[in-house]
């Protein structure tokens, strides 16, 4: 399955918005209570994206017993840093423009490209 870059950003935004300290929620809770529903992501896409974000160290999440669902608590520090880097729509658009030239892009590479795009927009590089 291909990792959907927009789903990565949208899921991080939903987790940031809805997460509460000392509370876990299923992906379905995030889907039902955020803008994810209107984006038409499938359960499989959200599950795959959550799994990749956990592997990248961007979210605190645990699968259920048979790995058919994830329970998500919060973003990690690295997740917040990545989201803050790509939060601005101009930075996100530029990041996607750059990454669209490649066949596939890992989450860490997406974070690095987003950081460079942000620095360029701020004339820091």
PDB file of N, CA and C in Angstrom:
ATOM      1  N   UNK A   1       0.850  -1.179   0.000  1.00  0.00           N
ATOM      2  CA  UNK A   1       0.000   0.000   0.000  1.00  0.00           C
ATOM      3  C   UNK A   1       0.891   1.237   0.000  1.00  0.00           C
ATOM      4  N   UNK A   2       0.493   2.233  -0.739  1.00  0.00           N
ATOM      5  CA  UNK A   2       1.248   3.477  -0.829  1.00  0.00           C
ATOM      6  C   UNK A   2       0.829   4.417   0.308  1.00  0.00           C
ATOM      7  N   UNK A   3       1.804   5.090   0.879  1.00  0.00           N
ATOM      8  CA  UNK A   3       1.539   6.036   1.961  1.00  0.00           C
ATOM      9  C   UNK A   3       1.035   7.348   1.367  1.00  0.00           C
ATOM     10  N   UNK A   4      -0.138   7.773   1.781  1.00  0.00           N
ATOM     11  CA  UNK A   4      -0.758   9.008   1.299  1.00  0.00           C
ATOM     12  C   UNK A   4      -0.255  10.170   2.156  1.00  0.00           C
ATOM     13  N   UNK A   5       0.492  11.078   1.537  1.00  0.00           N
ATOM     14  CA  UNK A   5       1.080  12.198   2.269  1.00  0.00           C
ATOM     15  C   UNK A   5       0.017  13.085   2.917  1.00  0.00           C
ATOM     16  N   UNK A   6      -1.079  13.315   2.231  1.00  0.00           N
ATOM     17  CA  UNK A   6      -2.144  14.136   2.811  1.00  0.00           C
ATOM     18  C   UNK A   6      -2.761  13.451   4.025  1.00  0.00           C
ATOM     19  N   UNK A   7      -2.890  12.134   3.954  1.00  0.00           N
ATOM     20  CA  UNK A   7      -3.437  11.394   5.089  1.00  0.00           C
ATOM     21  C   UNK A   7      -2.508  11.509   6.292  1.00  0.00           C
ATOM     22  N   UNK A   8      -1.203  11.485   6.052  1.00  0.00           N
ATOM     23  CA  UNK A   8      -0.225  11.658   7.131  1.00  0.00           C
ATOM     24  C   UNK A   8      -0.482  12.985   7.840  1.00  0.00           C
ATOM     25  N   UNK A   9      -0.543  14.060   7.081  1.00  0.00           N
ATOM     26  CA  UNK A   9      -0.732  15.396   7.666  1.00  0.00           C
ATOM     27  C   UNK A   9      -2.096  15.509   8.343  1.00  0.00           C
ATOM     28  N   UNK A  10      -3.134  15.039   7.660  1.00  0.00           N
ATOM     29  CA  UNK A  10      -4.487  15.154   8.213  1.00  0.00           C
ATOM     30  C   UNK A  10      -4.654  14.348   9.500  1.00  0.00           C
ATOM     31  N   UNK A  11      -4.066  13.171   9.553  1.00  0.00           N
ATOM     32  CA  UNK A  11      -4.164  12.360  10.766  1.00  0.00           C
ATOM     33  C   UNK A  11      -3.403  13.010  11.919  1.00  0.00           C
ATOM     34  N   UNK A  12      -2.234  13.553  11.644  1.00  0.00           N
ATOM     35  CA  UNK A  12      -1.487  14.262  12.686  1.00  0.00           C
ATOM     36  C   UNK A  12      -2.277  15.460  13.208  1.00  0.00           C
ATOM     37  N   UNK A  13      -2.897  16.214  12.306  1.00  0.00           N
ATOM     38  CA  UNK A  13      -3.708  17.368  12.724  1.00  0.00           C
ATOM     39  C   UNK A  13      -4.885  16.921  13.596  1.00  0.00           C
ATOM     40  N   UNK A  14      -5.530  15.816  13.219  1.00  0.00           N
ATOM     41  CA  UNK A  14      -6.668  15.309  13.999  1.00  0.00           C
ATOM     42  C   UNK A  14      -6.223  14.850  15.379  1.00  0.00           C
ATOM     43  N   UNK A  15      -5.104  14.148  15.449  1.00  0.00           N
ATOM     44  CA  UNK A  15      -4.612  13.676  16.741  1.00  0.00           C
ATOM     45  C   UNK A  15      -4.251  14.859  17.625  1.00  0.00           C
ATOM     46  N   UNK A  16      -3.577  15.849  17.050  1.00  0.00           N
ATOM     47  CA  UNK A  16      -3.216  17.028  17.833  1.00  0.00           C
ATOM     48  C   UNK A  16      -4.465  17.728  18.385  1.00  0.00           C
ATOM     49  N   UNK A  17      -5.468  17.848  17.554  1.00  0.00           N
ATOM     50  CA  UNK A  17      -6.692  18.549  17.946  1.00  0.00           C
ATOM     51  C   UNK A  17      -7.480  17.810  19.017  1.00  0.00           C
ATOM     52  N   UNK A  18      -7.554  16.495  18.919  1.00  0.00           N
ATOM     53  CA  UNK A  18      -8.464  15.732  19.766  1.00  0.00           C
ATOM     54  C   UNK A  18      -7.813  14.979  20.922  1.00  0.00           C
ATOM     55  N   UNK A  19      -6.507  14.826  20.876  1.00  0.00           N
ATOM     56  CA  UNK A  19      -5.842  14.034  21.921  1.00  0.00           C
ATOM     57  C   UNK A  19      -5.975  14.695  23.283  1.00  0.00           C
ATOM     58  N   UNK A  20      -6.103  13.853  24.290  1.00  0.00           N
ATOM     59  CA  UNK A  20      -6.182  14.322  25.668  1.00  0.00           C
ATOM     60  C   UNK A  20      -5.166  13.544  26.497  1.00  0.00           C
ATOM     61  N   UNK A  21      -4.604  14.206  27.468  1.00  0.00           N
ATOM     62  CA  UNK A  21      -3.621  13.565  28.337  1.00  0.00           C
ATOM     63  C   UNK A  21      -4.268  12.391  29.060  1.00  0.00           C
ATOM     64  N   UNK A  22      -3.544  11.301  29.142  1.00  0.00           N
ATOM     65  CA  UNK A  22      -3.987  10.084  29.841  1.00  0.00           C
ATOM     66  C   UNK A  22      -5.265   9.476  29.270  1.00  0.00           C
ATOM     67  N   UNK A  23      -5.477   9.635  27.973  1.00  0.00           N
ATOM     68  CA  UNK A  23      -6.647   9.037  27.333  1.00  0.00           C
ATOM     69  C   UNK A  23      -6.241   8.506  25.963  1.00  0.00           C
ATOM     70  N   UNK A  24      -6.608   7.298  25.660  1.00  0.00           N
ATOM     71  CA  UNK A  24      -6.400   6.775  24.316  1.00  0.00           C
ATOM     72  C   UNK A  24      -7.735   6.734  23.606  1.00  0.00           C
ATOM     73  N   UNK A  25      -7.673   6.815  22.299  1.00  0.00           N
ATOM     74  CA  UNK A  25      -8.885   6.751  21.492  1.00  0.00           C
ATOM     75  C   UNK A  25      -8.593   5.886  20.271  1.00  0.00           C
ATOM     76  N   UNK A  26      -9.609   5.249  19.773  1.00  0.00           N
ATOM     77  CA  UNK A  26      -9.434   4.439  18.571  1.00  0.00           C
ATOM     78  C   UNK A  26      -9.349   5.358  17.364  1.00  0.00           C
ATOM     79  N   UNK A  27      -8.825   4.834  16.282  1.00  0.00           N
ATOM     80  CA  UNK A  27      -8.796   5.613  15.045  1.00  0.00           C
ATOM     81  C   UNK A  27     -10.204   6.021  14.630  1.00  0.00           C
ATOM     82  N   UNK A  28     -11.173   5.165  14.923  1.00  0.00           N
ATOM     83  CA  UNK A  28     -12.569   5.480  14.595  1.00  0.00           C
ATOM     84  C   UNK A  28     -13.028   6.744  15.320  1.00  0.00           C
ATOM     85  N   UNK A  29     -12.601   6.909  16.580  1.00  0.00           N
ATOM     86  CA  UNK A  29     -12.940   8.131  17.328  1.00  0.00           C
ATOM     87  C   UNK A  29     -12.375   9.364  16.634  1.00  0.00           C
ATOM     88  N   UNK A  30     -11.129   9.270  16.197  1.00  0.00           N
ATOM     89  CA  UNK A  30     -10.515  10.408  15.491  1.00  0.00           C
ATOM     90  C   UNK A  30     -11.226  10.663  14.170  1.00  0.00           C
ATOM     91  N   UNK A  31     -11.570   9.585  13.474  1.00  0.00           N
ATOM     92  CA  UNK A  31     -12.261   9.698  12.199  1.00  0.00           C
ATOM     93  C   UNK A  31     -13.622  10.376  12.366  1.00  0.00           C
ATOM     94  N   UNK A  32     -14.361   9.959  13.377  1.00  0.00           N
ATOM     95  CA  UNK A  32     -15.711  10.477  13.592  1.00  0.00           C
ATOM     96  C   UNK A  32     -15.727  11.913  14.106  1.00  0.00           C
ATOM     97  N   UNK A  33     -14.664  12.341  14.769  1.00  0.00           N
ATOM     98  CA  UNK A  33     -14.679  13.642  15.437  1.00  0.00           C
ATOM     99  C   UNK A  33     -13.694  14.653  14.863  1.00  0.00           C
ATOM    100  N   UNK A  34     -13.331  14.490  13.610  1.00  0.00           N
ATOM    101  CA  UNK A  34     -12.388  15.419  12.997  1.00  0.00           C
ATOM    102  C   UNK A  34     -12.748  15.604  11.527  1.00  0.00           C
ATOM    103  N   UNK A  35     -11.900  16.339  10.824  1.00  0.00           N
ATOM    104  CA  UNK A  35     -12.138  16.559   9.399  1.00  0.00           C
ATOM    105  C   UNK A  35     -11.736  15.353   8.547  1.00  0.00           C
ATOM    106  N   UNK A  36     -11.282  14.276   9.173  1.00  0.00           N
ATOM    107  CA  UNK A  36     -10.888  13.083   8.414  1.00  0.00           C
ATOM    108  C   UNK A  36     -12.071  12.479   7.668  1.00  0.00           C
ATOM    109  N   UNK A  37     -13.238  12.588   8.249  1.00  0.00           N
ATOM    110  CA  UNK A  37     -14.434  11.979   7.652  1.00  0.00           C
ATOM    111  C   UNK A  37     -14.730  12.587   6.283  1.00  0.00           C
ATOM    112  N   UNK A  38     -14.616  13.884   6.185  1.00  0.00           N
ATOM    113  CA  UNK A  38     -14.910  14.541   4.912  1.00  0.00           C
ATOM    114  C   UNK A  38     -13.812  14.331   3.869  1.00  0.00           C
ATOM    115  N   UNK A  39     -12.660  13.833   4.287  1.00  0.00           N
ATOM    116  CA  UNK A  39     -11.552  13.594   3.366  1.00  0.00           C
ATOM    117  C   UNK A  39     -11.678  12.248   2.652  1.00  0.00           C
ATOM    118  N   UNK A  40     -12.601  11.424   3.067  1.00  0.00           N
ATOM    119  CA  UNK A  40     -12.889  10.134   2.429  1.00  0.00           C
ATOM    120  C   UNK A  40     -11.745   9.123   2.501  1.00  0.00           C
ATOM    121  N   UNK A  41     -10.996   9.144   3.603  1.00  0.00           N
ATOM    122  CA  UNK A  41      -9.970   8.120   3.790  1.00  0.00           C
ATOM    123  C   UNK A  41     -10.647   6.830   4.223  1.00  0.00           C
ATOM    124  N   UNK A  42     -10.144   5.722   3.722  1.00  0.00           N
ATOM    125  CA  UNK A  42     -10.684   4.437   4.134  1.00  0.00           C
ATOM    126  C   UNK A  42     -10.090   4.041   5.486  1.00  0.00           C
ATOM    127  N   UNK A  43     -10.749   3.095   6.141  1.00  0.00           N
ATOM    128  CA  UNK A  43     -10.236   2.581   7.410  1.00  0.00           C
ATOM    129  C   UNK A  43      -8.845   1.985   7.206  1.00  0.00           C
ATOM    130  N   UNK A  44      -8.659   1.309   6.082  1.00  0.00           N
ATOM    131  CA  UNK A  44      -7.365   0.691   5.763  1.00  0.00           C
ATOM    132  C   UNK A  44      -6.272   1.769   5.606  1.00  0.00           C
ATOM    133  N   UNK A  45      -6.599   2.878   4.928  1.00  0.00           N
ATOM    134  CA  UNK A  45      -5.619   3.961   4.774  1.00  0.00           C
ATOM    135  C   UNK A  45      -5.224   4.554   6.128  1.00  0.00           C
ATOM    136  N   UNK A  46      -6.223   4.783   6.978  1.00  0.00           N
ATOM    137  CA  UNK A  46      -5.941   5.351   8.293  1.00  0.00           C
ATOM    138  C   UNK A  46      -5.116   4.391   9.139  1.00  0.00           C
ATOM    139  N   UNK A  47      -5.435   3.121   9.073  1.00  0.00           N
ATOM    140  CA  UNK A  47      -4.703   2.114   9.828  1.00  0.00           C
ATOM    141  C   UNK A  47      -3.254   2.045   9.352  1.00  0.00           C
ATOM    142  N   UNK A  48      -3.068   2.030   8.055  1.00  0.00           N
ATOM    143  CA  UNK A  48      -1.731   1.972   7.470  1.00  0.00           C
ATOM    144  C   UNK A  48      -0.928   3.224   7.847  1.00  0.00           C
ATOM    145  N   UNK A  49      -1.564   4.371   7.747  1.00  0.00           N
ATOM    146  CA  UNK A  49      -0.897   5.634   8.075  1.00  0.00           C
ATOM    147  C   UNK A  49      -0.527   5.679   9.551  1.00  0.00           C
ATOM    148  N   UNK A  50      -1.440   5.270  10.419  1.00  0.00           N
ATOM    149  CA  UNK A  50      -1.143   5.247  11.859  1.00  0.00           C
ATOM    150  C   UNK A  50       0.026   4.317  12.157  1.00  0.00           C
ATOM    151  N   UNK A  51       0.061   3.199  11.495  1.00  0.00           N
ATOM    152  CA  UNK A  51       1.146   2.241  11.691  1.00  0.00           C
ATOM    153  C   UNK A  51       2.486   2.852  11.280  1.00  0.00           C
ATOM    154  N   UNK A  52       2.505   3.532  10.150  1.00  0.00           N
ATOM    155  CA  UNK A  52       3.747   4.163   9.681  1.00  0.00           C
ATOM    156  C   UNK A  52       4.156   5.316  10.604  1.00  0.00           C
ATOM    157  N   UNK A  53       3.184   6.091  11.091  1.00  0.00           N
ATOM    158  CA  UNK A  53       3.506   7.196  12.004  1.00  0.00           C
ATOM    159  C   UNK A  53       4.048   6.676  13.329  1.00  0.00           C
ATOM    160  N   UNK A  54       3.539   5.541  13.784  1.00  0.00           N
ATOM    161  CA  UNK A  54       4.072   4.923  15.007  1.00  0.00           C
ATOM    162  C   UNK A  54       5.498   4.460  14.762  1.00  0.00           C
ATOM    163  N   UNK A  55       5.732   3.792  13.640  1.00  0.00           N
ATOM    164  CA  UNK A  55       7.079   3.325  13.306  1.00  0.00           C
ATOM    165  C   UNK A  55       8.068   4.492  13.191  1.00  0.00           C
ATOM    166  N   UNK A  56       7.604   5.624  12.674  1.00  0.00           N
ATOM    167  CA  UNK A  56       8.463   6.803  12.519  1.00  0.00           C
ATOM    168  C   UNK A  56       8.700   7.509  13.848  1.00  0.00           C
ATOM    169  N   UNK A  57       7.953   7.109  14.882  1.00  0.00           N
ATOM    170  CA  UNK A  57       8.097   7.736  16.197  1.00  0.00           C
ATOM    171  C   UNK A  57       7.345   9.045  16.323  1.00  0.00           C
ATOM    172  N   UNK A  58       6.285   9.230  15.516  1.00  0.00           N
ATOM    173  CA  UNK A  58       5.545  10.486  15.527  1.00  0.00           C
ATOM    174  C   UNK A  58       4.269  10.441  16.351  1.00  0.00           C
ATOM    175  N   UNK A  59       3.788   9.228  16.687  1.00  0.00           N
ATOM    176  CA  UNK A  59       2.602   9.118  17.534  1.00  0.00           C
ATOM    177  C   UNK A  59       2.817   8.018  18.572  1.00  0.00           C
ATOM    178  N   UNK A  60       2.107   8.169  19.690  1.00  0.00           N
ATOM    179  CA  UNK A  60       2.027   7.110  20.689  1.00  0.00           C
ATOM    180  C   UNK A  60       0.763   6.330  20.356  1.00  0.00           C
ATOM    181  N   UNK A  61       0.929   5.060  19.998  1.00  0.00           N
ATOM    182  CA  UNK A  61      -0.216   4.242  19.612  1.00  0.00           C
ATOM    183  C   UNK A  61       0.077   2.780  19.909  1.00  0.00           C
ATOM    184  N   UNK A  62      -0.982   2.038  20.147  1.00  0.00           N
ATOM    185  CA  UNK A  62      -0.874   0.605  20.392  1.00  0.00           C
ATOM    186  C   UNK A  62      -1.925  -0.108  19.558  1.00  0.00           C
ATOM    187  N   UNK A  63      -1.529  -1.189  18.903  1.00  0.00           N
ATOM    188  CA  UNK A  63      -2.543  -1.965  18.172  1.00  0.00           C
ATOM    189  C   UNK A  63      -3.365  -2.798  19.149  1.00  0.00           C
ATOM    190  N   UNK A  64      -4.559  -3.181  18.708  1.00  0.00           N
ATOM    191  CA  UNK A  64      -5.320  -4.109  19.538  1.00  0.00           C
ATOM    192  C   UNK A  64      -4.703  -5.498  19.405  1.00  0.00           C
ATOM    193  N   UNK A  65      -5.269  -6.450  20.039  1.00  0.00           N
ATOM    194  CA  UNK A  65      -4.665  -7.784  20.146  1.00  0.00           C
ATOM    195  C   UNK A  65      -4.357  -8.423  18.788  1.00  0.00           C
ATOM    196  N   UNK A  66      -5.238  -8.289  17.815  1.00  0.00           N
ATOM    197  CA  UNK A  66      -5.002  -8.933  16.509  1.00  0.00           C
ATOM    198  C   UNK A  66      -4.477  -7.952  15.456  1.00  0.00           C
ATOM    199  N   UNK A  67      -4.013  -6.787  15.895  1.00  0.00           N
ATOM    200  CA  UNK A  67      -3.443  -5.764  15.009  1.00  0.00           C
ATOM    201  C   UNK A  67      -4.437  -5.272  13.963  1.00  0.00           C
ATOM    202  N   UNK A  68      -5.724  -5.376  14.256  1.00  0.00           N
ATOM    203  CA  UNK A  68      -6.721  -4.906  13.300  1.00  0.00           C
ATOM    204  C   UNK A  68      -7.114  -3.453  13.556  1.00  0.00           C
ATOM    205  N   UNK A  69      -6.661  -2.894  14.665  1.00  0.00           N
ATOM    206  CA  UNK A  69      -6.993  -1.506  14.978  1.00  0.00           C
ATOM    207  C   UNK A  69      -5.922  -0.894  15.855  1.00  0.00           C
ATOM    208  N   UNK A  70      -5.798   0.420  15.804  1.00  0.00           N
ATOM    209  CA  UNK A  70      -4.858   1.139  16.665  1.00  0.00           C
ATOM    210  C   UNK A  70      -5.615   2.009  17.654  1.00  0.00           C
ATOM    211  N   UNK A  71      -5.060   2.107  18.848  1.00  0.00           N
ATOM    212  CA  UNK A  71      -5.531   3.055  19.841  1.00  0.00           C
ATOM    213  C   UNK A  71      -4.431   4.101  19.973  1.00  0.00           C
ATOM    214  N   UNK A  72      -4.790   5.342  19.762  1.00  0.00           N
ATOM    215  CA  UNK A  72      -3.823   6.433  19.699  1.00  0.00           C
ATOM    216  C   UNK A  72      -4.007   7.328  20.909  1.00  0.00           C
ATOM    217  N   UNK A  73      -2.888   7.727  21.532  1.00  0.00           N
ATOM    218  CA  UNK A  73      -3.003   8.643  22.666  1.00  0.00           C
ATOM    219  C   UNK A  73      -2.590  10.062  22.270  1.00  0.00           C
ATOM    220  N   UNK A  74      -1.347  10.266  21.865  1.00  0.00           N
ATOM    221  CA  UNK A  74      -0.884  11.624  21.559  1.00  0.00           C
ATOM    222  C   UNK A  74       0.198  11.595  20.482  1.00  0.00           C
ATOM    223  N   UNK A  75       0.579  12.797  20.073  1.00  0.00           N
ATOM    224  CA  UNK A  75       1.757  12.948  19.231  1.00  0.00           C
ATOM    225  C   UNK A  75       2.988  12.867  20.119  1.00  0.00           C
ATOM    226  N   UNK A  76       4.083  12.397  19.573  1.00  0.00           N
ATOM    227  CA  UNK A  76       5.352  12.463  20.284  1.00  0.00           C
ATOM    228  C   UNK A  76       5.948  13.850  20.053  1.00  0.00           C
ATOM    229  N   UNK A  77       7.039  14.138  20.711  1.00  0.00           N
ATOM    230  CA  UNK A  77       7.720  15.417  20.465  1.00  0.00           C
ATOM    231  C   UNK A  77       8.088  15.532  18.982  1.00  0.00           C
ATOM    232  N   UNK A  78       8.661  14.453  18.419  1.00  0.00           N
ATOM    233  CA  UNK A  78       9.027  14.477  16.999  1.00  0.00           C
ATOM    234  C   UNK A  78       7.802  14.672  16.109  1.00  0.00           C
ATOM    235  N   UNK A  79       6.672  14.102  16.515  1.00  0.00           N
ATOM    236  CA  UNK A  79       5.431  14.307  15.772  1.00  0.00           C
ATOM    237  C   UNK A  79       5.000  15.757  15.777  1.00  0.00           C
ATOM    238  N   UNK A  80       5.130  16.412  16.934  1.00  0.00           N
ATOM    239  CA  UNK A  80       4.804  17.843  17.014  1.00  0.00           C
ATOM    240  C   UNK A  80       5.743  18.669  16.144  1.00  0.00           C
ATOM    241  N   UNK A  81       7.028  18.343  16.183  1.00  0.00           N
ATOM    242  CA  UNK A  81       8.013  19.084  15.380  1.00  0.00           C
ATOM    243  C   UNK A  81       7.682  18.944  13.896  1.00  0.00           C
ATOM    244  N   UNK A  82       7.415  17.713  13.461  1.00  0.00           N
ATOM    245  CA  UNK A  82       7.076  17.483  12.056  1.00  0.00           C
ATOM    246  C   UNK A  82       5.803  18.228  11.675  1.00  0.00           C
ATOM    247  N   UNK A  83       4.781  18.120  12.498  1.00  0.00           N
ATOM    248  CA  UNK A  83       3.518  18.791  12.188  1.00  0.00           C
ATOM    249  C   UNK A  83       3.691  20.305  12.158  1.00  0.00           C
ATOM    250  N   UNK A  84       4.432  20.857  13.097  1.00  0.00           N
ATOM    251  CA  UNK A  84       4.660  22.300  13.094  1.00  0.00           C
ATOM    252  C   UNK A  84       5.427  22.740  11.845  1.00  0.00           C
ATOM    253  N   UNK A  85       6.276  21.867  11.335  1.00  0.00           N
ATOM    254  CA  UNK A  85       7.026  22.176  10.115  1.00  0.00           C
ATOM    255  C   UNK A  85       6.106  22.250   8.905  1.00  0.00           C
ATOM    256  N   UNK A  86       5.149  21.333   8.797  1.00  0.00           N
ATOM    257  CA  UNK A  86       4.299  21.263   7.599  1.00  0.00           C
ATOM    258  C   UNK A  86       2.896  21.823   7.813  1.00  0.00           C
ATOM    259  N   UNK A  87       2.654  22.455   8.932  1.00  0.00           N
ATOM    260  CA  UNK A  87       1.314  22.963   9.255  1.00  0.00           C
ATOM    261  C   UNK A  87       0.853  24.040   8.273  1.00  0.00           C
ATOM    262  N   UNK A  88       1.718  24.986   7.973  1.00  0.00           N
ATOM    263  CA  UNK A  88       1.355  26.101   7.099  1.00  0.00           C
ATOM    264  C   UNK A  88       1.015  25.567   5.701  1.00  0.00           C
ATOM    265  N   UNK A  89      -0.132  25.964   5.143  1.00  0.00           N
ATOM    266  CA  UNK A  89      -0.523  25.466   3.824  1.00  0.00           C
ATOM    267  C   UNK A  89       0.501  25.751   2.720  1.00  0.00           C
ATOM    268  N   UNK A  90       1.195  26.888   2.788  1.00  0.00           N
ATOM    269  CA  UNK A  90       2.217  27.197   1.775  1.00  0.00           C
ATOM    270  C   UNK A  90       3.385  26.222   1.870  1.00  0.00           C
ATOM    271  N   UNK A  91       3.807  25.929   3.081  1.00  0.00           N
ATOM    272  CA  UNK A  91       4.906  24.981   3.282  1.00  0.00           C
ATOM    273  C   UNK A  91       4.472  23.594   2.827  1.00  0.00           C
ATOM    274  N   UNK A  92       3.247  23.201   3.166  1.00  0.00           N
ATOM    275  CA  UNK A  92       2.756  21.889   2.779  1.00  0.00           C
ATOM    276  C   UNK A  92       2.664  21.769   1.255  1.00  0.00           C
ATOM    277  N   UNK A  93       2.155  22.801   0.606  1.00  0.00           N
ATOM    278  CA  UNK A  93       2.049  22.773  -0.860  1.00  0.00           C
ATOM    279  C   UNK A  93       3.426  22.643  -1.505  1.00  0.00           C
ATOM    280  N   UNK A  94       4.392  23.371  -1.009  1.00  0.00           N
ATOM    281  CA  UNK A  94       5.755  23.309  -1.548  1.00  0.00           C
ATOM    282  C   UNK A  94       6.373  21.937  -1.270  1.00  0.00           C
ATOM    283  N   UNK A  95       6.155  21.411  -0.081  1.00  0.00           N
ATOM    284  CA  UNK A  95       6.674  20.084   0.266  1.00  0.00           C
ATOM    285  C   UNK A  95       6.111  19.033  -0.682  1.00  0.00           C
ATOM    286  N   UNK A  96       4.805  19.090  -0.929  1.00  0.00           N
ATOM    287  CA  UNK A  96       4.176  18.129  -1.835  1.00  0.00           C
ATOM    288  C   UNK A  96       4.675  18.313  -3.267  1.00  0.00           C
ATOM    289  N   UNK A  97       4.914  19.552  -3.662  1.00  0.00           N
ATOM    290  CA  UNK A  97       5.448  19.823  -5.005  1.00  0.00           C
ATOM    291  C   UNK A  97       6.808  19.141  -5.183  1.00  0.00           C
ATOM    292  N   UNK A  98       7.658  19.278  -4.191  1.00  0.00           N
ATOM    293  CA  UNK A  98       8.992  18.671  -4.253  1.00  0.00           C
ATOM    294  C   UNK A  98       8.889  17.150  -4.224  1.00  0.00           C
ATOM    295  N   UNK A  99       8.089  16.613  -3.312  1.00  0.00           N
ATOM    296  CA  UNK A  99       8.014  15.155  -3.172  1.00  0.00           C
ATOM    297  C   UNK A  99       7.277  14.496  -4.331  1.00  0.00           C
ATOM    298  N   UNK A 100       6.454  15.237  -5.057  1.00  0.00           N
ATOM    299  CA  UNK A 100       5.717  14.651  -6.178  1.00  0.00           C
ATOM    300  C   UNK A 100       6.645  14.240  -7.315  1.00  0.00           C
ATOM    301  N   UNK A 101       7.859  14.748  -7.324  1.00  0.00           N
ATOM    302  CA  UNK A 101       8.829  14.408  -8.369  1.00  0.00           C
ATOM    303  C   UNK A 101       9.466  13.045  -8.128  1.00  0.00           C
ATOM    304  N   UNK A 102       9.197  12.459  -6.953  1.00  0.00           N
ATOM    305  CA  UNK A 102       9.794  11.177  -6.584  1.00  0.00           C
ATOM    306  C   UNK A 102       8.740  10.083  -6.607  1.00  0.00           C
ATOM    307  N   UNK A 103       9.173   8.858  -6.831  1.00  0.00           N
ATOM    308  CA  UNK A 103       8.237   7.727  -6.872  1.00  0.00           C
ATOM    309  C   UNK A 103       7.636   7.459  -5.500  1.00  0.00           C
ATOM    310  N   UNK A 104       8.430   7.589  -4.453  1.00  0.00           N
ATOM    311  CA  UNK A 104       7.935   7.414  -3.098  1.00  0.00           C
ATOM    312  C   UNK A 104       8.826   8.201  -2.145  1.00  0.00           C
ATOM    313  N   UNK A 105       8.250   8.553  -1.009  1.00  0.00           N
ATOM    314  CA  UNK A 105       8.973   9.369  -0.033  1.00  0.00           C
ATOM    315  C   UNK A 105       8.665   8.838   1.359  1.00  0.00           C
ATOM    316  N   UNK A 106       9.706   8.605   2.139  1.00  0.00           N
ATOM    317  CA  UNK A 106       9.518   8.147   3.511  1.00  0.00           C
ATOM    318  C   UNK A 106       9.072   9.322   4.380  1.00  0.00           C
ATOM    319  N   UNK A 107       8.523   9.016   5.530  1.00  0.00           N
ATOM    320  CA  UNK A 107       8.091  10.069   6.447  1.00  0.00           C
ATOM    321  C   UNK A 107       9.279  10.913   6.915  1.00  0.00           C
ATOM    322  N   UNK A 108      10.409  10.309   7.305  1.00  0.00           N
ATOM    323  CA  UNK A 108      11.551  11.148   7.695  1.00  0.00           C
ATOM    324  C   UNK A 108      12.044  12.055   6.562  1.00  0.00           C
ATOM    325  N   UNK A 109      12.025  11.542   5.320  1.00  0.00           N
ATOM    326  CA  UNK A 109      12.441  12.381   4.194  1.00  0.00           C
ATOM    327  C   UNK A 109      11.430  13.499   3.970  1.00  0.00           C
ATOM    328  N   UNK A 110      10.143  13.190   4.111  1.00  0.00           N
ATOM    329  CA  UNK A 110       9.108  14.211   3.992  1.00  0.00           C
ATOM    330  C   UNK A 110       9.332  15.309   5.036  1.00  0.00           C
ATOM    331  N   UNK A 111       9.706  14.905   6.242  1.00  0.00           N
ATOM    332  CA  UNK A 111       9.977  15.878   7.307  1.00  0.00           C
ATOM    333  C   UNK A 111      11.174  16.748   6.950  1.00  0.00           C
ATOM    334  N   UNK A 112      12.208  16.142   6.390  1.00  0.00           N
ATOM    335  CA  UNK A 112      13.405  16.898   6.011  1.00  0.00           C
ATOM    336  C   UNK A 112      13.101  17.872   4.877  1.00  0.00           C
ATOM    337  N   UNK A 113      12.350  17.420   3.889  1.00  0.00           N
ATOM    338  CA  UNK A 113      11.974  18.291   2.771  1.00  0.00           C
ATOM    339  C   UNK A 113      11.091  19.428   3.278  1.00  0.00           C
ATOM    340  N   UNK A 114      10.134  19.114   4.145  1.00  0.00           N
ATOM    341  CA  UNK A 114       9.274  20.153   4.722  1.00  0.00           C
ATOM    342  C   UNK A 114      10.087  21.199   5.468  1.00  0.00           C
ATOM    343  N   UNK A 115      11.079  20.759   6.211  1.00  0.00           N
ATOM    344  CA  UNK A 115      11.940  21.669   6.957  1.00  0.00           C
ATOM    345  C   UNK A 115      12.710  22.587   6.012  1.00  0.00           C
ATOM    346  N   UNK A 116      13.230  22.026   4.924  1.00  0.00           N
ATOM    347  CA  UNK A 116      13.960  22.837   3.946  1.00  0.00           C
ATOM    348  C   UNK A 116      13.029  23.832   3.253  1.00  0.00           C
ATOM    349  N   UNK A 117      11.818  23.397   2.935  1.00  0.00           N
ATOM    350  CA  UNK A 117      10.836  24.293   2.310  1.00  0.00           C
ATOM    351  C   UNK A 117      10.490  25.445   3.249  1.00  0.00           C
ATOM    352  N   UNK A 118      10.308  25.142   4.529  1.00  0.00           N
ATOM    353  CA  UNK A 118      10.010  26.176   5.519  1.00  0.00           C
ATOM    354  C   UNK A 118      11.161  27.167   5.613  1.00  0.00           C
ATOM    355  N   UNK A 119      12.377  26.661   5.691  1.00  0.00           N
ATOM    356  CA  UNK A 119      13.551  27.543   5.767  1.00  0.00           C
ATOM    357  C   UNK A 119      13.667  28.421   4.528  1.00  0.00           C
ATOM    358  N   UNK A 120      13.376  27.846   3.344  1.00  0.00           N
ATOM    359  CA  UNK A 120      13.422  28.637   2.109  1.00  0.00           C
ATOM    360  C   UNK A 120      12.368  29.740   2.110  1.00  0.00           C
ATOM    361  N   UNK A 121      11.166  29.415   2.562  1.00  0.00           N
ATOM    362  CA  UNK A 121      10.098  30.425   2.610  1.00  0.00           C
ATOM    363  C   UNK A 121      10.432  31.544   3.603  1.00  0.00           C
ATOM    364  N   UNK A 122      11.181  31.198   4.655  1.00  0.00           N
ATOM    365  CA  UNK A 122      11.577  32.188   5.648  1.00  0.00           C
ATOM    366  C   UNK A 122      12.924  32.859   5.305  1.00  0.00           C
ATOM    367  N   UNK A 123      13.462  32.467   4.141  1.00  0.00           N
ATOM    368  CA  UNK A 123      14.765  32.979   3.670  1.00  0.00           C
ATOM    369  C   UNK A 123      15.879  32.708   4.664  1.00  0.00           C
ATOM    370  N   UNK A 124      15.838  31.524   5.265  1.00  0.00           N
ATOM    371  CA  UNK A 124      16.881  31.128   6.209  1.00  0.00           C
ATOM    372  C   UNK A 124      17.923  30.249   5.541  1.00  0.00           C
ATOM    373  N   UNK A 125      17.688  29.883   4.302  1.00  0.00           N
ATOM    374  CA  UNK A 125      18.623  29.027   3.592  1.00  0.00           C
ATOM    375  C   UNK A 125      18.859  29.534   2.209  1.00  0.00           C
TER     376      UNK A 125
END
